[in-house]
């Protein structure tokens, strides 16, 4: 009887270990995807050389470390100093046409990010 319990415990421990590896691989894949998307957003963000002393949107792109809240996710965007100005350039004003660089970045990088995440995930799990 002890042999069966030991076999079940070993199986349970192996399943738990694989689950932890899975979460680590998911977080690494999300981190790689967020970094790629942040690089793309920085590339597509317009730059205004006449902005004076203000910090540029292009130099304030960031991505967060992966978080877990029911699902694993990461935030890609702009810092607090520049985020309020984002809607002027992206959506336009009465005197400025919309540049739609966020939508363009999402469209350009969506498949690249997914394939990067997939390759990182498969590589870490040995698939």
C-alpha atoms as a PDB file:
ATOM      1  CA  UNK A   1       0.000   0.000   0.000  1.00  0.00           C
ATOM      2  CA  UNK A   2       2.835   2.433   0.783  1.00  0.00           C
ATOM      3  CA  UNK A   3       4.237   1.853  -2.700  1.00  0.00           C
ATOM      4  CA  UNK A   4       1.024   3.065  -4.337  1.00  0.00           C
ATOM      5  CA  UNK A   5       0.898   6.186  -2.161  1.00  0.00           C
ATOM      6  CA  UNK A   6       4.538   6.893  -2.962  1.00  0.00           C
ATOM      7  CA  UNK A   7       3.873   6.498  -6.684  1.00  0.00           C
ATOM      8  CA  UNK A   8       0.905   8.863  -6.500  1.00  0.00           C
ATOM      9  CA  UNK A   9       2.936  11.425  -4.540  1.00  0.00           C
ATOM     10  CA  UNK A  10       5.767  11.290  -7.072  1.00  0.00           C
ATOM     11  CA  UNK A  11       3.290  11.723  -9.914  1.00  0.00           C
ATOM     12  CA  UNK A  12       1.665  14.651  -8.118  1.00  0.00           C
ATOM     13  CA  UNK A  13       5.067  16.294  -7.512  1.00  0.00           C
ATOM     14  CA  UNK A  14       6.005  15.820 -11.180  1.00  0.00           C
ATOM     15  CA  UNK A  15       2.730  17.439 -12.279  1.00  0.00           C
ATOM     16  CA  UNK A  16       3.300  20.372  -9.901  1.00  0.00           C
ATOM     17  CA  UNK A  17       6.843  20.816 -11.219  1.00  0.00           C
ATOM     18  CA  UNK A  18       5.593  20.838 -14.824  1.00  0.00           C
ATOM     19  CA  UNK A  19       2.911  23.398 -13.888  1.00  0.00           C
ATOM     20  CA  UNK A  20       5.559  25.701 -12.352  1.00  0.00           C
ATOM     21  CA  UNK A  21       7.704  25.320 -15.481  1.00  0.00           C
ATOM     22  CA  UNK A  22       4.667  26.178 -17.584  1.00  0.00           C
ATOM     23  CA  UNK A  23       4.028  29.407 -15.636  1.00  0.00           C
ATOM     24  CA  UNK A  24       7.704  30.407 -15.895  1.00  0.00           C
ATOM     25  CA  UNK A  25       7.649  29.755 -19.638  1.00  0.00           C
ATOM     26  CA  UNK A  26       4.440  31.784 -20.029  1.00  0.00           C
ATOM     27  CA  UNK A  27       5.950  34.732 -18.152  1.00  0.00           C
ATOM     28  CA  UNK A  28       9.132  34.578 -20.233  1.00  0.00           C
ATOM     29  CA  UNK A  29       7.086  34.468 -23.448  1.00  0.00           C
ATOM     30  CA  UNK A  30       4.938  37.427 -22.368  1.00  0.00           C
ATOM     31  CA  UNK A  31       8.073  39.384 -21.422  1.00  0.00           C
ATOM     32  CA  UNK A  32       9.657  38.712 -24.829  1.00  0.00           C
ATOM     33  CA  UNK A  33       6.457  39.730 -26.618  1.00  0.00           C
ATOM     34  CA  UNK A  34       6.124  42.922 -24.570  1.00  0.00           C
ATOM     35  CA  UNK A  35       9.727  43.880 -25.304  1.00  0.00           C
ATOM     36  CA  UNK A  36       9.190  43.367 -29.033  1.00  0.00           C
ATOM     37  CA  UNK A  37       5.959  45.392 -28.993  1.00  0.00           C
ATOM     38  CA  UNK A  38       7.633  48.207 -27.010  1.00  0.00           C
ATOM     39  CA  UNK A  39      10.476  48.326 -29.534  1.00  0.00           C
ATOM     40  CA  UNK A  40       7.942  48.542 -32.357  1.00  0.00           C
ATOM     41  CA  UNK A  41       5.989  51.271 -30.587  1.00  0.00           C
ATOM     42  CA  UNK A  42       9.172  53.263 -30.060  1.00  0.00           C
ATOM     43  CA  UNK A  43      10.039  52.849 -33.752  1.00  0.00           C
ATOM     44  CA  UNK A  44       6.597  54.008 -34.941  1.00  0.00           C
ATOM     45  CA  UNK A  45       6.144  56.871 -32.470  1.00  0.00           C
ATOM     46  CA  UNK A  46       6.597  60.237 -34.208  1.00  0.00           C
ATOM     47  CA  UNK A  47       9.362  62.554 -33.003  1.00  0.00           C
ATOM     48  CA  UNK A  48       9.029  66.331 -32.817  1.00  0.00           C
ATOM     49  CA  UNK A  49      12.328  68.186 -32.631  1.00  0.00           C
ATOM     50  CA  UNK A  50      10.502  71.447 -31.768  1.00  0.00           C
ATOM     51  CA  UNK A  51       9.088  70.223 -28.469  1.00  0.00           C
ATOM     52  CA  UNK A  52      11.496  72.263 -26.331  1.00  0.00           C
ATOM     53  CA  UNK A  53      12.339  70.858 -22.926  1.00  0.00           C
ATOM     54  CA  UNK A  54       9.472  68.381 -22.817  1.00  0.00           C
ATOM     55  CA  UNK A  55      10.227  64.685 -22.748  1.00  0.00           C
ATOM     56  CA  UNK A  56       9.454  62.980 -26.050  1.00  0.00           C
ATOM     57  CA  UNK A  57       6.902  60.190 -26.401  1.00  0.00           C
ATOM     58  CA  UNK A  58       9.458  58.246 -28.413  1.00  0.00           C
ATOM     59  CA  UNK A  59      11.932  58.182 -25.517  1.00  0.00           C
ATOM     60  CA  UNK A  60       9.307  57.310 -22.884  1.00  0.00           C
ATOM     61  CA  UNK A  61       8.054  53.930 -24.136  1.00  0.00           C
ATOM     62  CA  UNK A  62       8.064  51.248 -21.453  1.00  0.00           C
ATOM     63  CA  UNK A  63       6.828  47.741 -20.770  1.00  0.00           C
ATOM     64  CA  UNK A  64       6.086  46.166 -17.419  1.00  0.00           C
ATOM     65  CA  UNK A  65       7.257  42.846 -16.108  1.00  0.00           C
ATOM     66  CA  UNK A  66       4.705  40.063 -16.553  1.00  0.00           C
ATOM     67  CA  UNK A  67       1.948  40.017 -13.948  1.00  0.00           C
ATOM     68  CA  UNK A  68      -0.470  37.280 -13.031  1.00  0.00           C
ATOM     69  CA  UNK A  69      -4.101  38.117 -12.316  1.00  0.00           C
ATOM     70  CA  UNK A  70      -6.109  35.182 -13.578  1.00  0.00           C
ATOM     71  CA  UNK A  71      -4.006  35.390 -16.723  1.00  0.00           C
ATOM     72  CA  UNK A  72      -0.445  36.470 -17.372  1.00  0.00           C
ATOM     73  CA  UNK A  73      -0.065  39.867 -19.010  1.00  0.00           C
ATOM     74  CA  UNK A  74       2.300  42.788 -19.447  1.00  0.00           C
ATOM     75  CA  UNK A  75       1.580  46.454 -20.090  1.00  0.00           C
ATOM     76  CA  UNK A  76       3.196  48.322 -22.970  1.00  0.00           C
ATOM     77  CA  UNK A  77       2.802  52.083 -23.157  1.00  0.00           C
ATOM     78  CA  UNK A  78       4.155  55.478 -22.245  1.00  0.00           C
ATOM     79  CA  UNK A  79       5.297  56.927 -18.937  1.00  0.00           C
ATOM     80  CA  UNK A  80       3.254  59.236 -16.730  1.00  0.00           C
ATOM     81  CA  UNK A  81       5.081  62.346 -17.953  1.00  0.00           C
ATOM     82  CA  UNK A  82       4.053  61.880 -21.574  1.00  0.00           C
ATOM     83  CA  UNK A  83       0.960  59.664 -21.632  1.00  0.00           C
ATOM     84  CA  UNK A  84      -1.455  62.598 -21.391  1.00  0.00           C
ATOM     85  CA  UNK A  85      -0.110  63.967 -24.702  1.00  0.00           C
ATOM     86  CA  UNK A  86      -0.567  60.689 -26.534  1.00  0.00           C
ATOM     87  CA  UNK A  87      -4.119  61.281 -27.723  1.00  0.00           C
ATOM     88  CA  UNK A  88      -3.193  64.573 -29.423  1.00  0.00           C
ATOM     89  CA  UNK A  89      -0.723  62.957 -31.794  1.00  0.00           C
ATOM     90  CA  UNK A  90      -2.439  59.604 -32.213  1.00  0.00           C
ATOM     91  CA  UNK A  91      -6.049  60.767 -32.638  1.00  0.00           C
ATOM     92  CA  UNK A  92      -5.398  64.300 -33.891  1.00  0.00           C
ATOM     93  CA  UNK A  93      -6.912  67.672 -33.071  1.00  0.00           C
ATOM     94  CA  UNK A  94      -8.746  70.309 -35.061  1.00  0.00           C
ATOM     95  CA  UNK A  95      -5.434  71.569 -36.438  1.00  0.00           C
ATOM     96  CA  UNK A  96      -3.492  68.310 -36.565  1.00  0.00           C
ATOM     97  CA  UNK A  97      -4.340  65.197 -38.540  1.00  0.00           C
ATOM     98  CA  UNK A  98      -4.412  61.863 -36.656  1.00  0.00           C
ATOM     99  CA  UNK A  99      -1.250  59.819 -37.080  1.00  0.00           C
ATOM    100  CA  UNK A 100      -2.670  56.489 -35.786  1.00  0.00           C
ATOM    101  CA  UNK A 101       0.763  55.134 -34.902  1.00  0.00           C
ATOM    102  CA  UNK A 102      -0.564  52.913 -32.115  1.00  0.00           C
ATOM    103  CA  UNK A 103      -2.967  51.099 -34.431  1.00  0.00           C
ATOM    104  CA  UNK A 104      -0.240  50.830 -37.061  1.00  0.00           C
ATOM    105  CA  UNK A 105       2.138  49.314 -34.509  1.00  0.00           C
ATOM    106  CA  UNK A 106      -0.457  46.778 -33.384  1.00  0.00           C
ATOM    107  CA  UNK A 107      -1.195  45.777 -36.979  1.00  0.00           C
ATOM    108  CA  UNK A 108       2.494  45.516 -37.920  1.00  0.00           C
ATOM    109  CA  UNK A 109       3.717  43.667 -34.837  1.00  0.00           C
ATOM    110  CA  UNK A 110       0.819  41.428 -33.814  1.00  0.00           C
ATOM    111  CA  UNK A 111       1.980  38.369 -35.772  1.00  0.00           C
ATOM    112  CA  UNK A 112       5.659  39.016 -34.951  1.00  0.00           C
ATOM    113  CA  UNK A 113       4.876  39.184 -31.238  1.00  0.00           C
ATOM    114  CA  UNK A 114       2.765  36.025 -31.335  1.00  0.00           C
ATOM    115  CA  UNK A 115       5.438  34.058 -33.198  1.00  0.00           C
ATOM    116  CA  UNK A 116       8.150  35.333 -30.810  1.00  0.00           C
ATOM    117  CA  UNK A 117       6.054  34.342 -27.800  1.00  0.00           C
ATOM    118  CA  UNK A 118       5.384  30.941 -29.326  1.00  0.00           C
ATOM    119  CA  UNK A 119       9.064  30.268 -30.032  1.00  0.00           C
ATOM    120  CA  UNK A 120      10.131  31.325 -26.515  1.00  0.00           C
ATOM    121  CA  UNK A 121       7.381  29.225 -24.935  1.00  0.00           C
ATOM    122  CA  UNK A 122       8.211  26.146 -26.990  1.00  0.00           C
ATOM    123  CA  UNK A 123      11.928  26.589 -26.401  1.00  0.00           C
ATOM    124  CA  UNK A 124      11.577  26.740 -22.631  1.00  0.00           C
ATOM    125  CA  UNK A 125       9.236  23.761 -22.469  1.00  0.00           C
ATOM    126  CA  UNK A 126      11.309  21.746 -24.924  1.00  0.00           C
ATOM    127  CA  UNK A 127       8.495  21.239 -27.410  1.00  0.00           C
END
